[in-house]
């Protein structure tokens, strides 16, 4: 399991291994859905080439 940190500005810092596994780069966007039990589901929405 990976741990992300929320900054004082409200940004979420995703760990490098997660970004690499999802091929995420600066400018990519994520869809975030809240489920029951305080569970968040995040999916890449747009990926930059």
PDB file of N, CA and C in Angstrom:
ATOM      1  N   UNK A   1       0.839  -1.165   0.000  1.00  0.00           N
ATOM      2  CA  UNK A   1       0.000   0.000   0.000  1.00  0.00           C
ATOM      3  C   UNK A   1       0.890   1.236   0.000  1.00  0.00           C
ATOM      4  N   UNK A   2       0.503   2.225  -0.773  1.00  0.00           N
ATOM      5  CA  UNK A   2       1.241   3.483  -0.854  1.00  0.00           C
ATOM      6  C   UNK A   2       0.546   4.529   0.003  1.00  0.00           C
ATOM      7  N   UNK A   3       1.302   5.532   0.416  1.00  0.00           N
ATOM      8  CA  UNK A   3       0.754   6.617   1.213  1.00  0.00           C
ATOM      9  C   UNK A   3       0.932   7.927   0.468  1.00  0.00           C
ATOM     10  N   UNK A   4      -0.149   8.698   0.351  1.00  0.00           N
ATOM     11  CA  UNK A   4      -0.103  10.015  -0.268  1.00  0.00           C
ATOM     12  C   UNK A   4      -0.217  11.060   0.834  1.00  0.00           C
ATOM     13  N   UNK A   5       0.321  12.236   0.586  1.00  0.00           N
ATOM     14  CA  UNK A   5       0.305  13.320   1.556  1.00  0.00           C
ATOM     15  C   UNK A   5      -0.506  14.483   1.005  1.00  0.00           C
ATOM     16  N   UNK A   6      -1.366  15.062   1.852  1.00  0.00           N
ATOM     17  CA  UNK A   6      -2.113  16.259   1.485  1.00  0.00           C
ATOM     18  C   UNK A   6      -1.320  17.467   1.994  1.00  0.00           C
ATOM     19  N   UNK A   7      -1.035  18.411   1.104  1.00  0.00           N
ATOM     20  CA  UNK A   7      -0.273  19.596   1.488  1.00  0.00           C
ATOM     21  C   UNK A   7      -1.191  20.621   2.156  1.00  0.00           C
ATOM     22  N   UNK A   8      -0.609  21.658   2.732  1.00  0.00           N
ATOM     23  CA  UNK A   8      -1.396  22.708   3.376  1.00  0.00           C
ATOM     24  C   UNK A   8      -2.263  23.457   2.363  1.00  0.00           C
ATOM     25  N   UNK A   9      -1.905  23.397   1.089  1.00  0.00           N
ATOM     26  CA  UNK A   9      -2.705  24.024   0.034  1.00  0.00           C
ATOM     27  C   UNK A   9      -3.814  23.110  -0.470  1.00  0.00           C
ATOM     28  N   UNK A  10      -3.873  21.863   0.027  1.00  0.00           N
ATOM     29  CA  UNK A  10      -4.911  20.925  -0.383  1.00  0.00           C
ATOM     30  C   UNK A  10      -4.525  20.035  -1.545  1.00  0.00           C
ATOM     31  N   UNK A  11      -3.280  20.097  -1.977  1.00  0.00           N
ATOM     32  CA  UNK A  11      -2.814  19.218  -3.052  1.00  0.00           C
ATOM     33  C   UNK A  11      -2.472  17.848  -2.490  1.00  0.00           C
ATOM     34  N   UNK A  12      -2.582  16.823  -3.346  1.00  0.00           N
ATOM     35  CA  UNK A  12      -2.222  15.468  -2.950  1.00  0.00           C
ATOM     36  C   UNK A  12      -0.948  15.082  -3.682  1.00  0.00           C
ATOM     37  N   UNK A  13       0.041  14.640  -2.942  1.00  0.00           N
ATOM     38  CA  UNK A  13       1.314  14.211  -3.510  1.00  0.00           C
ATOM     39  C   UNK A  13       1.282  12.694  -3.646  1.00  0.00           C
ATOM     40  N   UNK A  14       1.128  12.207  -4.890  1.00  0.00           N
ATOM     41  CA  UNK A  14       1.106  10.762  -5.129  1.00  0.00           C
ATOM     42  C   UNK A  14       2.527  10.213  -5.160  1.00  0.00           C
ATOM     43  N   UNK A  15       2.752   9.082  -4.537  1.00  0.00           N
ATOM     44  CA  UNK A  15       4.088   8.490  -4.555  1.00  0.00           C
ATOM     45  C   UNK A  15       4.547   8.168  -5.983  1.00  0.00           C
ATOM     46  N   UNK A  16       5.845   8.259  -6.185  1.00  0.00           N
ATOM     47  CA  UNK A  16       6.439   8.037  -7.509  1.00  0.00           C
ATOM     48  C   UNK A  16       6.066   6.685  -8.097  1.00  0.00           C
ATOM     49  N   UNK A  17       6.102   5.616  -7.282  1.00  0.00           N
ATOM     50  CA  UNK A  17       5.817   4.288  -7.832  1.00  0.00           C
ATOM     51  C   UNK A  17       4.390   4.205  -8.368  1.00  0.00           C
ATOM     52  N   UNK A  18       3.439   4.879  -7.730  1.00  0.00           N
ATOM     53  CA  UNK A  18       2.056   4.893  -8.231  1.00  0.00           C
ATOM     54  C   UNK A  18       1.984   5.678  -9.534  1.00  0.00           C
ATOM     55  N   UNK A  19       2.620   6.852  -9.581  1.00  0.00           N
ATOM     56  CA  UNK A  19       2.618   7.646 -10.821  1.00  0.00           C
ATOM     57  C   UNK A  19       3.233   6.868 -11.973  1.00  0.00           C
ATOM     58  N   UNK A  20       4.326   6.162 -11.701  1.00  0.00           N
ATOM     59  CA  UNK A  20       4.983   5.393 -12.757  1.00  0.00           C
ATOM     60  C   UNK A  20       4.118   4.229 -13.223  1.00  0.00           C
ATOM     61  N   UNK A  21       3.498   3.515 -12.284  1.00  0.00           N
ATOM     62  CA  UNK A  21       2.649   2.367 -12.663  1.00  0.00           C
ATOM     63  C   UNK A  21       1.447   2.800 -13.494  1.00  0.00           C
ATOM     64  N   UNK A  22       0.937   4.016 -13.239  1.00  0.00           N
ATOM     65  CA  UNK A  22      -0.219   4.537 -13.982  1.00  0.00           C
ATOM     66  C   UNK A  22       0.194   5.398 -15.171  1.00  0.00           C
ATOM     67  N   UNK A  23       1.519   5.573 -15.367  1.00  0.00           N
ATOM     68  CA  UNK A  23       2.047   6.399 -16.456  1.00  0.00           C
ATOM     69  C   UNK A  23       1.498   7.821 -16.368  1.00  0.00           C
ATOM     70  N   UNK A  24       1.446   8.382 -15.144  1.00  0.00           N
ATOM     71  CA  UNK A  24       0.960   9.738 -14.931  1.00  0.00           C
ATOM     72  C   UNK A  24       2.102  10.730 -15.029  1.00  0.00           C
ATOM     73  N   UNK A  25       1.812  11.872 -15.659  1.00  0.00           N
ATOM     74  CA  UNK A  25       2.784  12.948 -15.807  1.00  0.00           C
ATOM     75  C   UNK A  25       2.113  14.266 -15.435  1.00  0.00           C
ATOM     76  N   UNK A  26       2.907  15.308 -15.260  1.00  0.00           N
ATOM     77  CA  UNK A  26       2.372  16.634 -14.954  1.00  0.00           C
ATOM     78  C   UNK A  26       1.321  17.017 -15.985  1.00  0.00           C
ATOM     79  N   UNK A  27       0.182  17.483 -15.526  1.00  0.00           N
ATOM     80  CA  UNK A  27      -0.906  17.895 -16.416  1.00  0.00           C
ATOM     81  C   UNK A  27      -1.959  16.829 -16.629  1.00  0.00           C
ATOM     82  N   UNK A  28      -1.677  15.567 -16.304  1.00  0.00           N
ATOM     83  CA  UNK A  28      -2.693  14.517 -16.397  1.00  0.00           C
ATOM     84  C   UNK A  28      -3.763  14.764 -15.341  1.00  0.00           C
ATOM     85  N   UNK A  29      -4.973  14.315 -15.604  1.00  0.00           N
ATOM     86  CA  UNK A  29      -6.063  14.511 -14.651  1.00  0.00           C
ATOM     87  C   UNK A  29      -6.594  13.161 -14.185  1.00  0.00           C
ATOM     88  N   UNK A  30      -7.212  13.183 -13.005  1.00  0.00           N
ATOM     89  CA  UNK A  30      -7.791  11.983 -12.407  1.00  0.00           C
ATOM     90  C   UNK A  30      -9.253  12.224 -12.114  1.00  0.00           C
ATOM     91  N   UNK A  31     -10.094  11.205 -12.318  1.00  0.00           N
ATOM     92  CA  UNK A  31     -11.463  11.221 -11.822  1.00  0.00           C
ATOM     93  C   UNK A  31     -11.417  10.650 -10.413  1.00  0.00           C
ATOM     94  N   UNK A  32     -12.072  11.323  -9.469  1.00  0.00           N
ATOM     95  CA  UNK A  32     -12.106  10.868  -8.083  1.00  0.00           C
ATOM     96  C   UNK A  32     -13.558  10.679  -7.679  1.00  0.00           C
ATOM     97  N   UNK A  33     -13.871   9.488  -7.206  1.00  0.00           N
ATOM     98  CA  UNK A  33     -15.235   9.136  -6.810  1.00  0.00           C
ATOM     99  C   UNK A  33     -15.209   8.708  -5.349  1.00  0.00           C
ATOM    100  N   UNK A  34     -16.146   9.230  -4.565  1.00  0.00           N
ATOM    101  CA  UNK A  34     -16.226   8.846  -3.163  1.00  0.00           C
ATOM    102  C   UNK A  34     -17.247   7.730  -3.011  1.00  0.00           C
ATOM    103  N   UNK A  35     -16.839   6.655  -2.339  1.00  0.00           N
ATOM    104  CA  UNK A  35     -17.710   5.524  -2.088  1.00  0.00           C
ATOM    105  C   UNK A  35     -18.041   5.465  -0.600  1.00  0.00           C
ATOM    106  N   UNK A  36     -18.865   4.523  -0.216  1.00  0.00           N
ATOM    107  CA  UNK A  36     -19.218   4.363   1.193  1.00  0.00           C
ATOM    108  C   UNK A  36     -17.988   3.997   2.017  1.00  0.00           C
ATOM    109  N   UNK A  37     -18.029   4.342   3.278  1.00  0.00           N
ATOM    110  CA  UNK A  37     -16.957   3.953   4.173  1.00  0.00           C
ATOM    111  C   UNK A  37     -15.690   4.762   4.003  1.00  0.00           C
ATOM    112  N   UNK A  38     -15.810   6.022   3.570  1.00  0.00           N
ATOM    113  CA  UNK A  38     -14.645   6.902   3.398  1.00  0.00           C
ATOM    114  C   UNK A  38     -13.625   6.338   2.420  1.00  0.00           C
ATOM    115  N   UNK A  39     -14.100   5.724   1.355  1.00  0.00           N
ATOM    116  CA  UNK A  39     -13.232   5.137   0.330  1.00  0.00           C
ATOM    117  C   UNK A  39     -13.245   6.045  -0.898  1.00  0.00           C
ATOM    118  N   UNK A  40     -12.067   6.355  -1.402  1.00  0.00           N
ATOM    119  CA  UNK A  40     -11.949   7.112  -2.645  1.00  0.00           C
ATOM    120  C   UNK A  40     -11.444   6.192  -3.748  1.00  0.00           C
ATOM    121  N   UNK A  41     -12.051   6.322  -4.918  1.00  0.00           N
ATOM    122  CA  UNK A  41     -11.593   5.581  -6.096  1.00  0.00           C
ATOM    123  C   UNK A  41     -11.087   6.621  -7.085  1.00  0.00           C
ATOM    124  N   UNK A  42      -9.829   6.452  -7.493  1.00  0.00           N
ATOM    125  CA  UNK A  42      -9.222   7.403  -8.425  1.00  0.00           C
ATOM    126  C   UNK A  42      -8.831   6.661  -9.704  1.00  0.00           C
ATOM    127  N   UNK A  43      -9.173   7.292 -10.836  1.00  0.00           N
ATOM    128  CA  UNK A  43      -8.835   6.719 -12.142  1.00  0.00           C
ATOM    129  C   UNK A  43      -8.241   7.796 -13.036  1.00  0.00           C
ATOM    130  N   UNK A  44      -7.204   7.459 -13.792  1.00  0.00           N
ATOM    131  CA  UNK A  44      -6.683   8.430 -14.754  1.00  0.00           C
ATOM    132  C   UNK A  44      -7.777   8.808 -15.749  1.00  0.00           C
ATOM    133  N   UNK A  45      -7.937  10.111 -15.989  1.00  0.00           N
ATOM    134  CA  UNK A  45      -8.937  10.594 -16.942  1.00  0.00           C
ATOM    135  C   UNK A  45      -8.264  10.933 -18.265  1.00  0.00           C
ATOM    136  N   UNK A  46      -7.256  11.776 -18.202  1.00  0.00           N
ATOM    137  CA  UNK A  46      -6.506  12.119 -19.422  1.00  0.00           C
ATOM    138  C   UNK A  46      -5.035  11.837 -19.175  1.00  0.00           C
ATOM    139  N   UNK A  47      -4.393  11.342 -20.158  1.00  0.00           N
ATOM    140  CA  UNK A  47      -2.962  11.059 -20.062  1.00  0.00           C
ATOM    141  C   UNK A  47      -2.252  11.795 -21.184  1.00  0.00           C
ATOM    142  N   UNK A  48      -1.203  12.519 -20.839  1.00  0.00           N
ATOM    143  CA  UNK A  48      -0.403  13.216 -21.842  1.00  0.00           C
ATOM    144  C   UNK A  48       0.573  12.227 -22.470  1.00  0.00           C
ATOM    145  N   UNK A  49       0.788  12.328 -23.773  1.00  0.00           N
ATOM    146  CA  UNK A  49       1.739  11.410 -24.423  1.00  0.00           C
ATOM    147  C   UNK A  49       3.160  11.674 -24.018  1.00  0.00           C
TER     148      UNK A  49
END
